[in-house]
N, C-alpha and C. Protein backbone atom coordinates (compact mmCIF):
# COMPACT_ATOMS: atom_id res chain seq x y z
N MET A 1 66.19 102.35 114.27
CA MET A 1 64.99 101.56 114.02
C MET A 1 65.20 100.17 114.61
N SER A 2 64.24 99.72 115.38
CA SER A 2 64.36 98.40 115.99
C SER A 2 64.23 97.31 114.92
N LYS A 3 64.78 96.16 115.24
CA LYS A 3 64.69 95.02 114.31
C LYS A 3 63.24 94.63 114.10
N GLU A 4 62.41 94.88 115.10
CA GLU A 4 60.98 94.57 115.02
C GLU A 4 60.28 95.39 113.93
N HIS A 5 60.68 96.67 113.79
CA HIS A 5 60.00 97.57 112.86
C HIS A 5 60.67 97.66 111.48
N ARG A 6 61.88 97.18 111.35
CA ARG A 6 62.59 97.29 110.07
C ARG A 6 61.86 96.59 108.92
N PRO A 7 61.35 95.37 109.09
CA PRO A 7 60.62 94.75 107.97
C PRO A 7 59.37 95.56 107.59
N LEU A 8 58.70 96.13 108.57
CA LEU A 8 57.53 96.97 108.30
C LEU A 8 57.94 98.20 107.50
N LEU A 9 59.02 98.84 107.89
CA LEU A 9 59.52 100.02 107.17
C LEU A 9 59.85 99.67 105.71
N MET A 10 60.53 98.56 105.51
CA MET A 10 60.93 98.18 104.15
C MET A 10 59.70 97.83 103.30
N ARG A 11 58.76 97.10 103.89
CA ARG A 11 57.54 96.74 103.14
C ARG A 11 56.70 97.98 102.83
N ALA A 12 56.55 98.87 103.80
CA ALA A 12 55.78 100.10 103.59
C ALA A 12 56.38 100.91 102.46
N ASN A 13 57.69 101.05 102.44
CA ASN A 13 58.36 101.82 101.40
C ASN A 13 58.29 101.13 100.04
N ARG A 14 58.47 99.81 100.04
CA ARG A 14 58.44 99.07 98.77
C ARG A 14 57.06 99.19 98.12
N LEU A 15 56.00 99.02 98.92
CA LEU A 15 54.65 99.08 98.36
C LEU A 15 54.22 100.51 98.03
N LEU A 16 54.73 101.48 98.77
CA LEU A 16 54.45 102.86 98.39
C LEU A 16 55.11 103.16 97.05
N GLY A 17 56.35 102.76 96.89
CA GLY A 17 57.05 102.98 95.62
C GLY A 17 56.32 102.34 94.46
N ALA A 18 55.86 101.11 94.65
CA ALA A 18 55.10 100.43 93.58
C ALA A 18 53.82 101.19 93.25
N ALA A 19 53.14 101.70 94.26
CA ALA A 19 51.90 102.46 94.03
C ALA A 19 52.19 103.77 93.31
N LEU A 20 53.29 104.42 93.65
CA LEU A 20 53.65 105.67 92.97
C LEU A 20 53.90 105.43 91.48
N VAL A 21 54.53 104.30 91.15
CA VAL A 21 54.76 103.95 89.75
C VAL A 21 53.43 103.59 89.09
N GLU A 22 52.63 102.78 89.77
CA GLU A 22 51.35 102.34 89.23
C GLU A 22 50.43 103.52 88.90
N HIS A 23 50.48 104.56 89.72
CA HIS A 23 49.62 105.74 89.51
C HIS A 23 50.31 106.81 88.65
N ASN A 24 51.43 106.42 88.02
CA ASN A 24 52.17 107.32 87.13
C ASN A 24 52.64 108.60 87.81
N LEU A 25 53.00 108.48 89.07
CA LEU A 25 53.53 109.64 89.79
C LEU A 25 55.06 109.70 89.71
N VAL A 26 55.69 108.53 89.49
CA VAL A 26 57.15 108.47 89.28
C VAL A 26 57.46 107.39 88.25
N LYS A 27 58.65 107.47 87.69
CA LYS A 27 59.11 106.48 86.73
C LYS A 27 59.83 105.36 87.48
N ILE A 28 59.77 104.17 86.93
CA ILE A 28 60.40 103.01 87.55
C ILE A 28 61.90 103.21 87.75
N GLU A 29 62.56 103.88 86.81
CA GLU A 29 63.99 104.12 86.92
C GLU A 29 64.30 105.00 88.14
N ASP A 30 63.47 106.01 88.37
CA ASP A 30 63.67 106.88 89.53
C ASP A 30 63.43 106.11 90.83
N LEU A 31 62.43 105.25 90.81
CA LEU A 31 62.14 104.44 92.00
C LEU A 31 63.31 103.52 92.31
N GLU A 32 63.90 102.91 91.30
CA GLU A 32 65.04 102.01 91.53
C GLU A 32 66.21 102.77 92.15
N THR A 33 66.49 103.97 91.66
CA THR A 33 67.56 104.79 92.23
C THR A 33 67.23 105.15 93.68
N ALA A 34 65.98 105.53 93.93
CA ALA A 34 65.56 105.90 95.28
C ALA A 34 65.65 104.70 96.23
N ASN A 35 65.32 103.52 95.75
CA ASN A 35 65.41 102.32 96.59
C ASN A 35 66.84 102.05 97.04
N GLU A 36 67.80 102.26 96.14
CA GLU A 36 69.21 102.09 96.50
C GLU A 36 69.61 103.07 97.60
N LYS A 37 69.17 104.32 97.47
CA LYS A 37 69.47 105.33 98.49
C LYS A 37 68.80 104.99 99.80
N LEU A 38 67.57 104.49 99.73
CA LEU A 38 66.84 104.12 100.95
C LEU A 38 67.58 103.05 101.74
N ILE A 39 68.08 102.04 101.05
CA ILE A 39 68.80 100.96 101.72
C ILE A 39 70.02 101.50 102.45
N GLU A 40 70.74 102.43 101.83
CA GLU A 40 71.89 103.06 102.48
C GLU A 40 71.47 103.83 103.73
N ILE A 41 70.38 104.58 103.63
CA ILE A 41 69.92 105.40 104.75
C ILE A 41 69.43 104.53 105.91
N VAL A 42 68.68 103.49 105.60
CA VAL A 42 68.15 102.60 106.65
C VAL A 42 69.31 102.00 107.44
N ALA A 43 70.40 101.68 106.78
CA ALA A 43 71.57 101.11 107.44
C ALA A 43 72.19 102.09 108.45
N THR A 44 71.97 103.39 108.26
CA THR A 44 72.53 104.39 109.18
C THR A 44 71.59 104.70 110.34
N ASP A 45 70.41 104.07 110.37
CA ASP A 45 69.44 104.22 111.45
C ASP A 45 69.02 105.68 111.68
N GLN A 46 68.54 106.31 110.61
CA GLN A 46 68.03 107.68 110.67
C GLN A 46 66.55 107.66 110.30
N PRO A 47 65.65 107.52 111.26
CA PRO A 47 64.23 107.37 110.94
C PRO A 47 63.66 108.51 110.10
N ARG A 48 64.07 109.75 110.39
CA ARG A 48 63.49 110.88 109.65
C ARG A 48 63.88 110.86 108.17
N GLN A 49 64.98 110.22 107.82
CA GLN A 49 65.43 110.16 106.43
C GLN A 49 65.00 108.86 105.75
N SER A 50 64.48 107.90 106.51
CA SER A 50 64.14 106.58 105.98
C SER A 50 62.77 106.59 105.31
N THR A 51 62.70 107.27 104.17
CA THR A 51 61.45 107.39 103.45
C THR A 51 61.68 107.49 101.95
N ILE A 52 61.08 106.56 101.24
CA ILE A 52 61.20 106.58 99.78
C ILE A 52 60.54 107.84 99.22
N LEU A 53 59.45 108.27 99.84
CA LEU A 53 58.76 109.48 99.39
C LEU A 53 59.66 110.70 99.56
N GLY A 54 60.35 110.79 100.68
CA GLY A 54 61.26 111.91 100.91
C GLY A 54 62.43 111.92 99.94
N ILE A 55 62.96 110.75 99.64
CA ILE A 55 64.07 110.66 98.70
C ILE A 55 63.61 111.12 97.31
N LEU A 56 62.46 110.62 96.88
CA LEU A 56 61.94 110.99 95.55
C LEU A 56 61.60 112.47 95.46
N ALA A 57 61.00 113.01 96.53
CA ALA A 57 60.52 114.39 96.49
C ALA A 57 61.60 115.42 96.81
N TYR A 58 62.43 115.14 97.79
CA TYR A 58 63.34 116.17 98.28
C TYR A 58 64.80 115.97 97.89
N ASP A 59 65.22 114.71 97.74
CA ASP A 59 66.60 114.47 97.30
C ASP A 59 66.69 114.48 95.77
N MET A 60 65.84 113.68 95.14
CA MET A 60 65.90 113.54 93.68
C MET A 60 65.03 114.56 92.95
N LYS A 61 64.06 115.12 93.63
CA LYS A 61 63.16 116.14 93.06
C LYS A 61 62.45 115.66 91.78
N VAL A 62 62.00 114.40 91.79
CA VAL A 62 61.26 113.86 90.65
C VAL A 62 59.76 113.75 90.94
N LEU A 63 59.38 114.20 92.11
CA LEU A 63 58.00 114.11 92.56
C LEU A 63 57.76 115.23 93.57
N LYS A 64 56.55 115.74 93.62
CA LYS A 64 56.19 116.71 94.64
C LYS A 64 55.22 116.05 95.60
N GLU A 65 55.48 116.23 96.88
CA GLU A 65 54.62 115.62 97.89
C GLU A 65 53.17 116.10 97.72
N ASP A 66 52.99 117.34 97.31
CA ASP A 66 51.64 117.87 97.06
C ASP A 66 50.90 117.08 95.99
N GLU A 67 51.63 116.57 95.00
CA GLU A 67 51.00 115.76 93.95
C GLU A 67 50.44 114.46 94.53
N VAL A 68 51.16 113.87 95.46
CA VAL A 68 50.70 112.64 96.10
C VAL A 68 49.45 112.94 96.94
N LEU A 69 49.50 114.02 97.71
CA LEU A 69 48.34 114.39 98.52
C LEU A 69 47.13 114.69 97.64
N HIS A 70 47.35 115.43 96.56
CA HIS A 70 46.26 115.74 95.63
C HIS A 70 45.67 114.45 95.05
N HIS A 71 46.54 113.52 94.71
CA HIS A 71 46.09 112.25 94.14
C HIS A 71 45.20 111.49 95.13
N ILE A 72 45.60 111.37 96.38
CA ILE A 72 44.79 110.58 97.33
C ILE A 72 43.48 111.28 97.67
N VAL A 73 43.47 112.61 97.63
CA VAL A 73 42.22 113.34 97.85
C VAL A 73 41.27 113.08 96.68
N GLU A 74 41.79 113.22 95.46
CA GLU A 74 40.96 113.07 94.27
C GLU A 74 40.55 111.61 94.02
N ALA A 75 41.49 110.70 94.12
CA ALA A 75 41.22 109.30 93.76
C ALA A 75 40.53 108.52 94.88
N ASP A 76 40.86 108.82 96.13
CA ASP A 76 40.37 108.01 97.24
C ASP A 76 39.47 108.78 98.22
N GLY A 77 39.34 110.07 98.03
CA GLY A 77 38.49 110.86 98.93
C GLY A 77 39.04 111.00 100.33
N VAL A 78 40.34 110.87 100.47
CA VAL A 78 40.98 111.00 101.78
C VAL A 78 41.04 112.48 102.15
N GLY A 79 40.75 112.79 103.41
CA GLY A 79 40.87 114.16 103.89
C GLY A 79 42.32 114.49 104.19
N LEU A 80 42.60 115.75 104.45
CA LEU A 80 43.95 116.20 104.80
C LEU A 80 43.93 116.79 106.20
N ILE A 81 45.07 116.69 106.89
CA ILE A 81 45.19 117.27 108.22
C ILE A 81 46.62 117.74 108.44
N ASP A 82 46.75 118.80 109.21
CA ASP A 82 48.05 119.26 109.68
C ASP A 82 48.05 119.07 111.19
N LEU A 83 48.82 118.10 111.66
CA LEU A 83 48.83 117.77 113.09
C LEU A 83 49.30 118.93 113.96
N ARG A 84 49.99 119.88 113.37
CA ARG A 84 50.45 121.04 114.16
C ARG A 84 49.27 121.90 114.59
N ASP A 85 48.14 121.77 113.89
CA ASP A 85 46.95 122.56 114.20
C ASP A 85 45.89 121.73 114.93
N TYR A 86 46.24 120.57 115.44
CA TYR A 86 45.26 119.67 116.04
C TYR A 86 45.70 119.33 117.47
N GLU A 87 44.79 119.43 118.40
CA GLU A 87 45.08 119.06 119.79
C GLU A 87 44.84 117.56 119.93
N VAL A 88 45.92 116.80 119.96
CA VAL A 88 45.83 115.35 120.04
C VAL A 88 45.52 114.95 121.48
N PRO A 89 44.48 114.12 121.69
CA PRO A 89 44.13 113.68 123.04
C PRO A 89 45.28 112.91 123.70
N ASP A 90 45.35 113.02 125.03
CA ASP A 90 46.41 112.36 125.78
C ASP A 90 46.42 110.85 125.58
N ASP A 91 45.25 110.22 125.48
CA ASP A 91 45.20 108.77 125.27
C ASP A 91 45.92 108.36 123.99
N SER A 92 45.72 109.14 122.94
CA SER A 92 46.39 108.83 121.67
C SER A 92 47.90 108.99 121.80
N LYS A 93 48.32 109.99 122.56
CA LYS A 93 49.76 110.22 122.75
C LYS A 93 50.38 109.09 123.56
N LYS A 94 49.71 108.67 124.63
CA LYS A 94 50.26 107.64 125.52
C LYS A 94 50.40 106.30 124.84
N ASN A 95 49.46 105.95 123.98
CA ASN A 95 49.43 104.63 123.38
C ASN A 95 50.17 104.54 122.04
N LEU A 96 50.87 105.59 121.66
CA LEU A 96 51.53 105.62 120.36
C LEU A 96 52.75 104.70 120.32
N ASP A 97 52.80 103.82 119.33
CA ASP A 97 53.97 103.00 119.05
C ASP A 97 54.85 103.82 118.11
N VAL A 98 55.83 104.50 118.69
CA VAL A 98 56.65 105.43 117.92
C VAL A 98 57.43 104.73 116.82
N GLY A 99 57.95 103.55 117.09
CA GLY A 99 58.68 102.80 116.06
C GLY A 99 57.81 102.46 114.87
N ALA A 100 56.59 102.02 115.13
CA ALA A 100 55.65 101.71 114.04
C ALA A 100 55.26 102.99 113.31
N ALA A 101 55.11 104.08 114.04
CA ALA A 101 54.75 105.36 113.41
C ALA A 101 55.85 105.80 112.45
N TRP A 102 57.12 105.70 112.88
CA TRP A 102 58.22 106.07 111.97
C TRP A 102 58.27 105.12 110.78
N ALA A 103 58.09 103.82 111.02
CA ALA A 103 58.19 102.82 109.95
C ALA A 103 57.11 103.02 108.90
N THR A 104 55.94 103.51 109.31
CA THR A 104 54.80 103.66 108.40
C THR A 104 54.49 105.10 108.05
N TRP A 105 55.21 106.04 108.63
CA TRP A 105 54.96 107.46 108.42
C TRP A 105 53.48 107.77 108.66
N SER A 106 52.98 107.24 109.80
CA SER A 106 51.58 107.37 110.15
C SER A 106 51.43 107.55 111.66
N VAL A 107 50.40 108.31 112.04
CA VAL A 107 50.15 108.57 113.46
C VAL A 107 48.65 108.45 113.74
N PRO A 108 48.25 107.49 114.60
CA PRO A 108 46.88 107.49 115.08
C PRO A 108 46.74 108.70 116.02
N PHE A 109 45.82 109.61 115.71
CA PHE A 109 45.80 110.85 116.47
C PHE A 109 44.50 111.14 117.21
N ASP A 110 43.49 110.31 117.03
CA ASP A 110 42.25 110.54 117.76
C ASP A 110 41.35 109.32 117.59
N ARG A 111 40.27 109.34 118.38
CA ARG A 111 39.28 108.27 118.29
C ARG A 111 37.92 108.88 118.61
N GLU A 112 36.95 108.55 117.80
CA GLU A 112 35.57 109.00 118.00
C GLU A 112 34.70 107.76 117.93
N GLU A 113 34.12 107.39 119.07
CA GLU A 113 33.36 106.16 119.21
C GLU A 113 34.22 105.00 118.74
N GLU A 114 33.79 104.23 117.73
CA GLU A 114 34.60 103.08 117.31
C GLU A 114 35.60 103.42 116.20
N PHE A 115 35.60 104.67 115.72
CA PHE A 115 36.49 105.06 114.62
C PHE A 115 37.81 105.63 115.12
N PHE A 116 38.90 105.14 114.52
CA PHE A 116 40.22 105.69 114.79
C PHE A 116 40.56 106.67 113.68
N PHE A 117 41.24 107.76 114.01
CA PHE A 117 41.70 108.74 113.04
C PHE A 117 43.21 108.55 112.89
N VAL A 118 43.67 108.35 111.67
CA VAL A 118 45.10 108.14 111.42
C VAL A 118 45.56 109.11 110.33
N ALA A 119 46.60 109.87 110.66
CA ALA A 119 47.25 110.77 109.69
C ALA A 119 48.43 110.02 109.10
N THR A 120 48.59 110.11 107.78
CA THR A 120 49.68 109.38 107.13
C THR A 120 50.18 110.10 105.89
N ALA A 121 51.46 109.97 105.66
CA ALA A 121 52.06 110.42 104.41
C ALA A 121 52.16 109.23 103.44
N TYR A 122 51.80 108.04 103.92
CA TYR A 122 51.97 106.80 103.17
C TYR A 122 50.64 106.11 102.87
N TYR A 123 49.59 106.86 102.63
CA TYR A 123 48.29 106.25 102.38
C TYR A 123 48.33 105.28 101.20
N LEU A 124 49.11 105.56 100.19
CA LEU A 124 49.15 104.71 99.00
C LEU A 124 49.81 103.35 99.24
N SER A 125 50.42 103.15 100.40
CA SER A 125 51.06 101.87 100.70
C SER A 125 50.05 100.93 101.37
N PRO A 126 49.65 99.86 100.68
CA PRO A 126 48.71 98.92 101.31
C PRO A 126 49.26 98.31 102.60
N ALA A 127 50.57 98.16 102.69
CA ALA A 127 51.18 97.60 103.90
C ALA A 127 50.90 98.49 105.11
N VAL A 128 50.90 99.79 104.91
CA VAL A 128 50.64 100.74 105.99
C VAL A 128 49.19 100.63 106.45
N ARG A 129 48.29 100.65 105.51
CA ARG A 129 46.86 100.58 105.86
C ARG A 129 46.55 99.25 106.56
N THR A 130 47.06 98.16 106.05
CA THR A 130 46.83 96.85 106.65
C THR A 130 47.40 96.78 108.06
N PHE A 131 48.62 97.29 108.24
CA PHE A 131 49.25 97.26 109.56
C PHE A 131 48.38 97.98 110.59
N TRP A 132 47.96 99.21 110.29
CA TRP A 132 47.20 99.99 111.26
C TRP A 132 45.80 99.42 111.47
N GLU A 133 45.20 98.83 110.45
CA GLU A 133 43.89 98.20 110.62
C GLU A 133 43.99 97.05 111.62
N LYS A 134 45.05 96.24 111.50
CA LYS A 134 45.26 95.13 112.44
C LYS A 134 45.64 95.66 113.82
N GLN A 135 46.51 96.64 113.86
CA GLN A 135 47.01 97.20 115.12
C GLN A 135 45.88 97.83 115.94
N LEU A 136 45.03 98.60 115.30
CA LEU A 136 43.99 99.34 116.01
C LEU A 136 42.72 98.51 116.20
N GLY A 137 42.47 97.56 115.34
CA GLY A 137 41.34 96.67 115.51
C GLY A 137 39.97 97.31 115.35
N GLY A 138 39.89 98.33 114.57
CA GLY A 138 38.60 98.98 114.33
C GLY A 138 38.65 99.77 113.05
N PRO A 139 37.50 100.34 112.65
CA PRO A 139 37.48 101.13 111.42
C PRO A 139 38.33 102.39 111.55
N ILE A 140 38.96 102.76 110.44
CA ILE A 140 39.88 103.91 110.42
C ILE A 140 39.38 104.96 109.45
N LEU A 141 39.43 106.21 109.89
CA LEU A 141 39.25 107.34 109.00
C LEU A 141 40.65 107.86 108.71
N TRP A 142 41.05 107.79 107.45
CA TRP A 142 42.41 108.15 107.04
C TRP A 142 42.48 109.61 106.65
N PHE A 143 43.61 110.23 106.99
CA PHE A 143 43.88 111.62 106.63
C PHE A 143 45.29 111.69 106.06
N GLY A 144 45.44 112.34 104.94
CA GLY A 144 46.76 112.55 104.35
C GLY A 144 47.44 113.72 105.03
N THR A 145 48.73 113.65 105.11
CA THR A 145 49.53 114.74 105.66
C THR A 145 50.94 114.64 105.08
N THR A 146 51.77 115.59 105.42
CA THR A 146 53.13 115.63 104.87
C THR A 146 54.11 114.85 105.74
N LEU A 147 55.22 114.51 105.13
CA LEU A 147 56.31 113.88 105.88
C LEU A 147 56.76 114.78 107.02
N GLU A 148 56.86 116.07 106.74
CA GLU A 148 57.31 117.02 107.75
C GLU A 148 56.36 117.06 108.94
N ALA A 149 55.07 117.03 108.68
CA ALA A 149 54.09 117.06 109.77
C ALA A 149 54.21 115.82 110.66
N ILE A 150 54.39 114.66 110.04
CA ILE A 150 54.56 113.41 110.80
C ILE A 150 55.86 113.47 111.61
N ALA A 151 56.96 113.84 110.96
CA ALA A 151 58.26 113.88 111.63
C ALA A 151 58.25 114.88 112.79
N ASP A 152 57.70 116.07 112.57
CA ASP A 152 57.63 117.06 113.65
C ASP A 152 56.82 116.53 114.82
N TYR A 153 55.69 115.91 114.52
CA TYR A 153 54.85 115.36 115.59
C TYR A 153 55.61 114.29 116.38
N LEU A 154 56.27 113.36 115.68
CA LEU A 154 56.98 112.28 116.36
C LEU A 154 58.15 112.80 117.17
N GLU A 155 58.85 113.79 116.67
CA GLU A 155 59.98 114.35 117.42
C GLU A 155 59.48 115.11 118.65
N LYS A 156 58.40 115.86 118.54
CA LYS A 156 57.82 116.54 119.71
C LYS A 156 57.30 115.53 120.71
N HIS A 157 56.70 114.46 120.21
CA HIS A 157 56.19 113.40 121.08
C HIS A 157 57.34 112.78 121.88
N ALA A 158 58.46 112.54 121.22
CA ALA A 158 59.62 111.95 121.90
C ALA A 158 60.15 112.87 122.99
N VAL A 159 60.21 114.16 122.71
CA VAL A 159 60.68 115.13 123.71
C VAL A 159 59.72 115.15 124.90
N ALA A 160 58.43 115.22 124.63
CA ALA A 160 57.43 115.25 125.70
C ALA A 160 57.48 113.98 126.54
N ALA A 161 57.63 112.83 125.89
CA ALA A 161 57.70 111.56 126.61
C ALA A 161 58.95 111.51 127.49
N ALA A 162 60.06 112.01 126.98
CA ALA A 162 61.29 112.04 127.76
C ALA A 162 61.15 112.96 128.98
N GLN A 163 60.43 114.04 128.81
CA GLN A 163 60.24 114.97 129.92
C GLN A 163 59.32 114.40 130.99
N ARG A 164 58.41 113.51 130.62
CA ARG A 164 57.49 112.89 131.58
C ARG A 164 58.10 111.67 132.24
N ALA A 165 59.15 111.12 131.65
CA ALA A 165 59.72 109.86 132.13
C ALA A 165 60.42 110.05 133.47
N PRO A 166 60.32 109.04 134.34
CA PRO A 166 61.03 109.13 135.61
C PRO A 166 62.54 109.04 135.40
N ALA A 167 63.26 109.81 136.18
CA ALA A 167 64.72 109.75 136.14
C ALA A 167 65.17 108.43 136.76
N PRO A 168 66.40 108.01 136.54
CA PRO A 168 66.86 106.72 137.05
C PRO A 168 66.71 106.59 138.57
N ASN A 169 66.79 107.68 139.31
CA ASN A 169 66.69 107.62 140.77
C ASN A 169 65.25 107.68 141.26
N GLY A 170 64.28 107.64 140.33
CA GLY A 170 62.88 107.65 140.72
C GLY A 170 62.24 109.01 140.69
N ALA A 171 63.02 110.06 140.52
CA ALA A 171 62.45 111.40 140.44
C ALA A 171 61.82 111.59 139.07
N VAL A 172 60.87 112.48 139.00
CA VAL A 172 60.22 112.76 137.72
C VAL A 172 60.84 114.01 137.12
N VAL A 173 61.22 113.91 135.84
CA VAL A 173 61.79 115.04 135.13
C VAL A 173 60.63 115.80 134.49
N THR A 174 60.58 117.09 134.72
CA THR A 174 59.55 117.91 134.09
C THR A 174 60.21 118.85 133.12
N SER A 175 59.41 119.46 132.26
CA SER A 175 59.94 120.26 131.16
C SER A 175 60.96 121.29 131.60
N GLY A 176 62.18 121.03 131.23
CA GLY A 176 63.27 121.99 131.42
C GLY A 176 63.81 122.07 132.83
N ALA A 177 63.08 121.58 133.80
CA ALA A 177 63.55 121.68 135.19
C ALA A 177 64.43 120.48 135.51
N PRO A 178 65.44 120.68 136.35
CA PRO A 178 66.27 119.55 136.72
C PRO A 178 65.46 118.57 137.56
N ALA A 179 65.85 117.32 137.48
CA ALA A 179 65.15 116.28 138.25
C ALA A 179 65.33 116.53 139.73
N ALA A 180 64.26 116.32 140.47
CA ALA A 180 64.34 116.46 141.92
C ALA A 180 65.10 115.27 142.47
N VAL A 181 65.97 115.52 143.40
CA VAL A 181 66.75 114.47 144.00
C VAL A 181 66.07 114.10 145.32
N PRO A 182 65.63 112.84 145.47
CA PRO A 182 64.95 112.48 146.71
C PRO A 182 65.91 112.56 147.90
N THR A 183 65.38 113.01 149.01
CA THR A 183 66.18 113.09 150.23
C THR A 183 65.89 111.89 151.08
N LYS A 184 66.86 111.48 151.86
CA LYS A 184 66.67 110.30 152.73
C LYS A 184 66.40 110.72 154.13
C-alpha cells in the first residue's frame, strides 16, 4: 500500500468499524481486537487482508458479511452487484485508481450519463463514500458487494493491466505470449 493511500485505508476501516458497532452488528470489544490485528496486517503490506470487515467476518467469525449487505439493503436501499457477472466498460477499467480501490474496498465500475456506479464492501464507512464522491465529482449510485468480489476484480484488473503494459524494451506484452523483441 502506498503512503498516499494508507491514511485513506486506516480512516475507511476506522469509520466502518464505528458504523458496525453503531448499527449493533459487532461488539466494541470485538472491534478493538480486530483493530489490533488490522494494524499488524497493514504493516505487512497485504492489501487483500487489510480489511476490518474481513478480520471480523472471516478471522474472528463474530460477524457475517451477508448481515452487513442485508443491513445496507434494508436500511439504505442500496442495491447489490456481483462484478464477476458484469461486463465493466474499458473506460472504467483504464481510469481505476487501484490503490484507492484497495484502500476503500470499492470499485467504480460504470457510468450512465452523469451518474457513476460504484460497487463497495464498505458502504457503511462515511470516509469511503466521501472519498469517491470527491474523486468522481458527480452523483453516485452505490451497490453493495462482497470483499471477495472486490478482491477478485482488483486482482484480475492487475493481471490484465500487466498484460497490456509495454515491456521495458518497448514491446507490448500480450496475454500469455512472450514479448516481441524489436529487430534493428
